[in-house]
Amino acid sequence: MTTIYATHPRYTEHDLESHPEHAGRIRAIWRMLDQLGLSERMQRAVPEPVTDEQILYVHTPEYLELLHKSAALTHTVRFDPDTYCNPVSFEIAKLSAGGVVSAVNAVLTGQADNGLAAVRPPGHHAVPGRAMGFCLLGNVAIGARQAQRVHGVERVLIVDIDVHHGNGTEAIFYDDPSVYFISMHQSVSAFGTPFYPGTGAIGDTGVGKGVGTTLNIPLPPGHGDASYRALYERVIAPAARRFQPELILVSAGFDAHWVDPLAGMRLSLSGYAYLTSALKDLAVELCGGRVVFVVEGGYNLDALSYGVANIARILLGDEAADPLGAPDDGLREPDAEPLIARLRDLHGLGD
């Protein structure tokens, strides 16, 4: 089993020390993969920056022009309250998207069986016309278009397991029946207010020819391993089998872990490992094993680095580990059954 590992040493140059999405995140991932001997067992890819043409697969010319102008900055600025940009951030964002492209190329040309793109800045919030939510370019979206336009892939499945809705990825493909987008995400905060970015309603299923190829799974806080497993088995897997993808891309955020400071879900590393193994097995079943996992969020460095290490282990055929364990507060998960029933009815997944 050959796993392509795409990352780049320059990912640390996009940095703002006080920000949750700082360079220490990728350093923690690199350190863990090296310490566990996983880096040396994967086939290394050093990404090239994506081109303007590849960016325009998913973003507007006006936004691309703005990003080019950012190279003239003399200091760090904010595109919005959450998303920063320094004079080299656009270069690094192009290398981040390039990491996904390099992994997709390797898997689709048979150079590797599967892939891990350990990239930053993340990408799933970047909408066609602007940066958003720590994200500058739609990394996974660019990778999906690369698969279609360069390799002739007709159907791509994107599964987003970051705790935040992948609104950028959704917006890019909302009217496109050739890309099936599935997102499991926290829907409200602990106070009942909309959770960032406030999108991803259960009834948002696509428009035009894309109706039915967006599947949103909005979850209130407190759901964990049991709920995610049931949702995978009874909603995600049946939807994927019906779609019959030729490639699976996974937006892998580790901010649904119970220790993450920015969210309120209760996944453990074991729960994440189940999803990783299940999605790997689904790719073997449906598309010759062609799956690429792409790092998105995750703001507790232990959960993030152990979680990415488990992706590498599973792709290489090893067992996962969970040194952080399950939450020990004795709380019971909310009942996921009503949501599962509603999703199965809405998307025609009934028996």
Protein backbone atom coordinates (compact mmCIF):
# COMPACT_ATOMS: atom_id res chain seq x y z
CA MET A 1 0.00 0.00 0.00
CA THR A 2 1.57 3.30 -1.13
CA THR A 3 0.41 6.53 0.49
CA ILE A 4 1.39 9.90 -0.95
CA TYR A 5 2.22 12.50 1.71
CA ALA A 6 2.01 16.08 0.46
CA THR A 7 3.28 18.92 2.60
CA HIS A 8 5.67 21.86 2.24
CA PRO A 9 8.20 23.47 4.60
CA ARG A 10 7.01 26.96 3.65
CA TYR A 11 3.57 26.40 5.23
CA THR A 12 4.91 28.05 8.42
CA GLU A 13 5.39 31.41 6.65
CA HIS A 14 1.67 32.20 6.76
CA ASP A 15 1.49 32.95 10.46
CA LEU A 16 -0.08 35.12 13.12
CA GLU A 17 1.04 33.93 16.55
CA SER A 18 -2.06 35.03 18.47
CA HIS A 19 -4.45 33.47 15.93
CA PRO A 20 -5.98 29.97 16.35
CA GLU A 21 -4.77 29.04 12.86
CA HIS A 22 -1.06 29.58 13.45
CA ALA A 23 2.09 27.91 12.16
CA GLY A 24 2.42 25.77 15.28
CA ARG A 25 -0.42 23.61 13.97
CA ILE A 26 1.55 22.26 11.02
CA ARG A 27 4.72 21.99 13.10
CA ALA A 28 2.84 19.77 15.55
CA ILE A 29 1.65 17.54 12.69
CA TRP A 30 5.15 17.24 11.20
CA ARG A 31 6.66 16.48 14.61
CA MET A 32 4.14 13.73 15.35
CA LEU A 33 4.46 12.07 11.95
CA ASP A 34 8.25 12.11 12.30
CA GLN A 35 8.29 10.85 15.90
CA LEU A 36 6.06 7.90 15.01
CA GLY A 37 8.14 7.00 11.95
CA LEU A 38 5.19 7.60 9.65
CA SER A 39 6.70 10.30 7.44
CA GLU A 40 9.43 7.98 6.19
CA ARG A 41 6.93 5.24 5.32
CA MET A 42 4.91 7.48 3.00
CA GLN A 43 5.93 8.66 -0.45
CA ARG A 44 6.77 12.34 -0.13
CA ALA A 45 5.43 14.93 -2.56
CA VAL A 46 6.74 18.50 -2.45
CA PRO A 47 3.88 20.57 -3.86
CA GLU A 48 4.16 23.13 -6.62
CA PRO A 49 2.02 26.26 -6.28
CA VAL A 50 -1.27 26.16 -8.14
CA THR A 51 -1.51 28.36 -11.20
CA ASP A 52 -3.91 31.21 -11.86
CA GLU A 53 -5.76 28.86 -14.21
CA GLN A 54 -6.25 26.31 -11.44
CA ILE A 55 -7.40 29.01 -9.00
CA LEU A 56 -9.94 30.17 -11.57
CA TYR A 57 -11.39 26.66 -11.60
CA VAL A 58 -13.23 27.73 -8.43
CA HIS A 59 -12.61 31.43 -7.70
CA THR A 60 -13.55 34.67 -9.46
CA PRO A 61 -11.09 36.80 -11.47
CA GLU A 62 -11.78 39.74 -9.15
CA TYR A 63 -10.79 37.75 -6.07
CA LEU A 64 -7.68 36.41 -7.81
CA GLU A 65 -6.66 40.00 -8.64
CA LEU A 66 -7.08 40.97 -4.97
CA LEU A 67 -4.86 38.06 -3.91
CA HIS A 68 -2.18 39.12 -6.37
CA LYS A 69 -2.27 42.63 -4.93
CA SER A 70 -1.68 41.21 -1.43
CA ALA A 71 1.94 40.51 -2.41
CA ALA A 72 2.56 44.27 -2.10
CA LEU A 73 1.58 44.31 1.57
CA THR A 74 4.15 45.45 4.09
CA HIS A 75 2.36 44.02 7.13
CA THR A 76 -0.36 41.57 8.10
CA VAL A 77 -3.93 42.63 7.35
CA ARG A 78 -7.34 41.06 7.88
CA PHE A 79 -9.66 40.16 5.02
CA ASP A 80 -12.34 39.79 7.70
CA PRO A 81 -12.26 39.50 11.51
CA ASP A 82 -11.21 35.85 11.27
CA THR A 83 -8.92 35.69 8.24
CA TYR A 84 -5.47 37.25 8.05
CA CYS A 85 -3.06 37.78 5.17
CA ASN A 86 0.62 38.74 5.22
CA PRO A 87 2.87 39.61 2.25
CA VAL A 88 3.58 35.92 1.46
CA SER A 89 0.20 34.42 2.42
CA PHE A 90 -0.98 34.16 -1.18
CA GLU A 91 2.20 32.26 -2.10
CA ILE A 92 1.64 29.88 0.79
CA ALA A 93 -2.05 29.45 -0.03
CA LYS A 94 -1.05 28.47 -3.57
CA LEU A 95 1.31 25.86 -2.10
CA SER A 96 -1.48 24.66 0.21
CA ALA A 97 -3.85 24.08 -2.69
CA GLY A 98 -0.88 22.65 -4.55
CA GLY A 99 -0.51 20.02 -1.85
CA VAL A 100 -4.01 18.76 -2.59
CA VAL A 101 -3.38 18.86 -6.34
CA SER A 102 -0.14 16.88 -5.98
CA ALA A 103 -1.85 14.19 -3.90
CA VAL A 104 -4.77 14.00 -6.34
CA ASN A 105 -2.37 13.70 -9.28
CA ALA A 106 -0.41 10.92 -7.59
CA VAL A 107 -3.52 8.90 -6.74
CA LEU A 108 -5.16 9.32 -10.14
CA THR A 109 -2.02 8.42 -12.10
CA GLY A 110 -1.43 5.28 -10.02
CA GLN A 111 1.72 6.62 -8.37
CA ALA A 112 0.02 6.06 -5.01
CA ASP A 113 -2.98 4.15 -3.72
CA ASN A 114 -4.23 6.94 -1.46
CA GLY A 115 -3.10 10.25 -0.08
CA LEU A 116 -2.65 12.60 2.86
CA ALA A 117 -2.30 16.33 2.21
CA ALA A 118 -1.04 17.98 5.42
CA VAL A 119 -1.57 21.56 4.29
CA ARG A 120 -2.27 25.05 5.59
CA PRO A 121 -3.88 27.52 5.44
CA PRO A 122 -7.07 25.46 5.31
CA GLY A 123 -9.56 25.96 2.51
CA HIS A 124 -13.14 24.84 2.99
CA HIS A 125 -14.54 28.27 3.96
CA ALA A 126 -13.08 30.19 1.00
CA VAL A 127 -16.01 31.10 -1.25
CA PRO A 128 -15.61 31.93 -4.95
CA GLY A 129 -15.26 35.68 -4.41
CA ARG A 130 -13.51 36.10 -1.07
CA ALA A 131 -11.47 34.68 1.79
CA MET A 132 -13.33 33.53 4.86
CA GLY A 133 -12.89 31.57 8.09
CA PHE A 134 -9.06 31.30 8.13
CA CYS A 135 -9.16 30.15 4.45
CA LEU A 136 -7.74 31.87 1.38
CA LEU A 137 -8.18 29.32 -1.43
CA GLY A 138 -10.61 26.41 -1.80
CA ASN A 139 -7.99 23.66 -1.51
CA VAL A 140 -10.28 20.65 -1.80
CA ALA A 141 -12.42 22.34 -4.45
CA ILE A 142 -9.35 23.01 -6.59
CA GLY A 143 -8.30 19.39 -6.12
CA ALA A 144 -11.72 18.18 -7.27
CA ARG A 145 -11.59 20.34 -10.39
CA GLN A 146 -8.04 19.13 -11.08
CA ALA A 147 -9.36 15.56 -11.01
CA GLN A 148 -12.12 16.43 -13.45
CA ARG A 149 -10.38 18.75 -15.90
CA VAL A 150 -6.95 17.13 -16.06
CA HIS A 151 -7.68 13.48 -15.32
CA GLY A 152 -11.17 13.15 -16.80
CA VAL A 153 -12.87 12.09 -13.57
CA GLU A 154 -16.64 12.53 -13.91
CA ARG A 155 -17.88 12.18 -10.31
CA VAL A 156 -16.11 13.37 -7.16
CA LEU A 157 -17.40 12.86 -3.63
CA ILE A 158 -16.29 15.36 -0.97
CA VAL A 159 -16.93 14.45 2.66
CA ASP A 160 -16.31 17.27 5.15
CA ILE A 161 -15.88 16.15 8.77
CA ASP A 162 -14.59 19.47 10.11
CA VAL A 163 -16.79 20.78 12.92
CA HIS A 164 -17.61 23.88 10.86
CA HIS A 165 -19.76 23.69 7.76
CA GLY A 166 -17.72 23.76 4.57
CA ASN A 167 -19.62 26.69 3.14
CA GLY A 168 -16.97 27.56 0.57
CA THR A 169 -16.85 24.07 -0.91
CA GLU A 170 -20.64 23.95 -0.92
CA ALA A 171 -20.95 27.31 -2.68
CA ILE A 172 -18.51 26.30 -5.41
CA PHE A 173 -20.38 23.10 -6.30
CA TYR A 174 -23.94 23.95 -5.25
CA ASP A 175 -25.31 23.75 -8.80
CA ASP A 176 -22.95 21.03 -10.03
CA PRO A 177 -24.25 17.44 -10.13
CA SER A 178 -20.78 16.05 -10.82
CA VAL A 179 -19.54 16.81 -7.28
CA TYR A 180 -21.43 15.39 -4.32
CA PHE A 181 -20.74 17.41 -1.17
CA ILE A 182 -21.50 15.97 2.27
CA SER A 183 -20.85 17.93 5.46
CA MET A 184 -21.26 16.88 9.10
CA HIS A 185 -20.98 19.99 11.25
CA GLN A 186 -22.04 21.67 14.47
CA SER A 187 -25.10 23.81 13.81
CA VAL A 188 -25.60 25.90 16.96
CA SER A 189 -23.41 27.07 19.81
CA ALA A 190 -23.82 26.06 23.43
CA PHE A 191 -26.06 29.13 23.77
CA GLY A 192 -28.34 28.16 20.89
CA THR A 193 -27.02 30.82 18.49
CA PRO A 194 -25.91 29.86 14.96
CA PHE A 195 -22.48 28.23 14.93
CA TYR A 196 -19.87 29.55 12.54
CA PRO A 197 -20.32 30.10 9.61
CA GLY A 198 -24.11 29.90 10.09
CA THR A 199 -24.72 27.88 6.93
CA GLY A 200 -25.35 24.21 6.16
CA ALA A 201 -29.05 23.86 6.89
CA ILE A 202 -30.55 20.42 6.43
CA GLY A 203 -32.81 21.69 3.63
CA ASP A 204 -29.90 23.10 1.61
CA THR A 205 -29.51 20.35 -1.00
CA GLY A 206 -28.34 22.19 -4.12
CA VAL A 207 -29.87 24.26 -6.89
CA GLY A 208 -30.57 23.71 -10.58
CA LYS A 209 -28.91 20.58 -11.90
CA GLY A 210 -27.15 20.24 -8.54
CA VAL A 211 -30.33 19.59 -6.54
CA GLY A 212 -29.74 16.49 -4.45
CA THR A 213 -25.93 16.53 -4.57
CA THR A 214 -25.44 18.55 -1.38
CA LEU A 215 -26.11 16.69 1.86
CA ASN A 216 -25.88 18.73 5.04
CA ILE A 217 -25.87 17.06 8.46
CA PRO A 218 -26.24 19.85 11.05
CA LEU A 219 -25.68 18.65 14.60
CA PRO A 220 -26.30 20.38 17.93
CA PRO A 221 -23.42 20.28 20.44
CA GLY A 222 -22.70 17.10 22.33
CA HIS A 223 -22.77 14.47 19.59
CA GLY A 224 -19.84 12.07 19.57
CA ASP A 225 -18.62 8.69 18.39
CA ALA A 226 -21.95 6.84 18.42
CA SER A 227 -23.83 9.55 16.52
CA TYR A 228 -21.12 10.02 13.92
CA ARG A 229 -20.90 6.27 13.35
CA ALA A 230 -24.66 5.92 12.93
CA LEU A 231 -24.79 8.89 10.57
CA TYR A 232 -21.98 7.47 8.50
CA GLU A 233 -23.53 4.01 8.24
CA ARG A 234 -27.13 5.07 7.61
CA VAL A 235 -26.74 8.33 5.69
CA ILE A 236 -23.28 8.97 4.25
CA ALA A 237 -22.42 5.49 3.02
CA PRO A 238 -25.79 4.88 1.30
CA ALA A 239 -25.65 8.31 -0.36
CA ALA A 240 -22.11 7.65 -1.57
CA ARG A 241 -23.01 4.24 -2.95
CA ARG A 242 -25.87 5.76 -4.90
CA PHE A 243 -23.58 8.47 -6.34
CA GLN A 244 -20.79 6.02 -7.34
CA PRO A 245 -17.82 8.42 -7.14
CA GLU A 246 -14.56 7.88 -9.00
CA LEU A 247 -12.58 9.77 -6.34
CA ILE A 248 -13.24 10.64 -2.68
CA LEU A 249 -11.77 13.76 -1.06
CA VAL A 250 -12.08 14.22 2.70
CA SER A 251 -11.90 17.60 4.42
CA ALA A 252 -10.48 16.34 7.69
CA GLY A 253 -10.84 18.83 10.52
CA PHE A 254 -10.11 17.69 14.06
CA ASP A 255 -12.09 20.44 15.77
CA ALA A 256 -15.01 18.08 16.45
CA HIS A 257 -12.77 16.37 19.02
CA TRP A 258 -13.98 16.80 22.57
CA VAL A 259 -10.85 18.72 23.69
CA ASP A 260 -11.01 21.31 20.91
CA PRO A 261 -11.38 24.87 22.31
CA LEU A 262 -13.47 26.30 19.45
CA ALA A 263 -16.40 23.87 19.33
CA GLY A 264 -18.73 21.69 21.36
CA MET A 265 -18.72 18.20 19.81
CA ARG A 266 -17.54 15.03 21.54
CA LEU A 267 -15.72 12.91 18.98
CA SER A 268 -12.71 10.99 20.27
CA LEU A 269 -9.65 9.99 18.28
CA SER A 270 -11.21 6.52 18.10
CA GLY A 271 -14.34 8.04 16.56
CA TYR A 272 -12.24 9.89 14.01
CA ALA A 273 -10.32 6.70 13.29
CA TYR A 274 -13.58 4.89 12.62
CA LEU A 275 -14.59 7.54 10.07
CA THR A 276 -11.15 7.41 8.45
CA SER A 277 -11.20 3.62 8.16
CA ALA A 278 -14.78 3.60 6.92
CA LEU A 279 -14.07 6.20 4.24
CA LYS A 280 -10.93 4.36 3.16
CA ASP A 281 -12.96 1.13 2.89
CA LEU A 282 -15.69 2.97 0.99
CA ALA A 283 -13.11 4.19 -1.52
CA VAL A 284 -11.88 0.62 -1.98
CA GLU A 285 -15.46 -0.50 -2.58
CA LEU A 286 -16.49 2.29 -4.95
CA CYS A 287 -13.45 3.78 -6.68
CA GLY A 288 -10.41 1.54 -6.52
CA GLY A 289 -9.24 2.94 -3.18
CA ARG A 290 -8.74 6.44 -4.58
CA VAL A 291 -9.13 8.69 -1.54
CA VAL A 292 -7.21 11.80 -0.40
CA PHE A 293 -7.51 13.19 3.13
CA VAL A 294 -6.88 16.94 3.41
CA VAL A 295 -6.19 18.69 6.71
CA GLU A 296 -8.62 21.50 7.53
CA GLY A 297 -9.24 22.72 11.11
CA GLY A 298 -8.30 21.49 14.57
CA TYR A 299 -7.04 23.82 17.28
CA ASN A 300 -5.92 21.55 20.10
CA LEU A 301 -2.45 20.50 18.99
CA ASP A 302 -2.59 17.07 20.63
CA ALA A 303 -5.90 16.11 19.06
CA LEU A 304 -4.79 17.54 15.72
CA SER A 305 -1.40 15.86 15.56
CA TYR A 306 -2.58 12.48 16.87
CA GLY A 307 -5.57 12.66 14.53
CA VAL A 308 -3.48 13.29 11.43
CA ALA A 309 -1.08 10.55 12.54
CA ASN A 310 -4.03 8.16 12.70
CA ILE A 311 -4.97 9.05 9.12
CA ALA A 312 -1.44 8.13 8.07
CA ARG A 313 -1.55 4.90 10.08
CA ILE A 314 -4.87 3.82 8.61
CA LEU A 315 -3.89 4.68 5.03
CA LEU A 316 -0.72 2.63 5.52
CA GLY A 317 -2.71 -0.30 6.92
CA ASP A 318 -1.81 0.13 10.61
CA GLU A 319 -4.02 0.31 13.69
CA ALA A 320 -4.97 3.72 15.06
CA ALA A 321 -4.25 4.90 18.61
CA ASP A 322 -6.21 7.06 21.05
CA PRO A 323 -3.98 8.40 23.85
CA LEU A 324 -6.55 11.09 24.75
CA GLY A 325 -9.45 8.69 25.34
CA ALA A 326 -13.12 9.57 25.58
CA PRO A 327 -14.63 12.44 27.58
CA ASP A 328 -15.10 11.39 31.20
CA ASP A 329 -17.83 13.84 32.24
CA GLY A 330 -20.56 11.20 32.18
CA LEU A 331 -22.76 13.13 29.78
CA ARG A 332 -24.96 11.20 27.37
CA GLU A 333 -24.95 11.95 23.66
CA PRO A 334 -28.12 13.46 22.21
CA ASP A 335 -30.32 11.04 20.27
CA ALA A 336 -29.35 11.12 16.58
CA GLU A 337 -32.24 8.94 15.42
CA PRO A 338 -34.71 11.75 14.57
CA LEU A 339 -32.05 13.48 12.47
CA ILE A 340 -31.11 10.23 10.72
CA ALA A 341 -34.74 9.52 9.88
CA ARG A 342 -35.25 13.02 8.52
CA LEU A 343 -32.10 12.88 6.39
CA ARG A 344 -32.96 9.46 4.99
CA ASP A 345 -36.43 10.69 4.04
CA LEU A 346 -35.21 14.01 2.60
CA HIS A 347 -32.53 12.37 0.46
CA GLY A 348 -34.49 9.26 -0.51
CA LEU A 349 -32.24 6.87 1.40
CA GLY A 350 -35.03 4.75 2.89
CA ASP A 351 -35.18 0.99 2.62
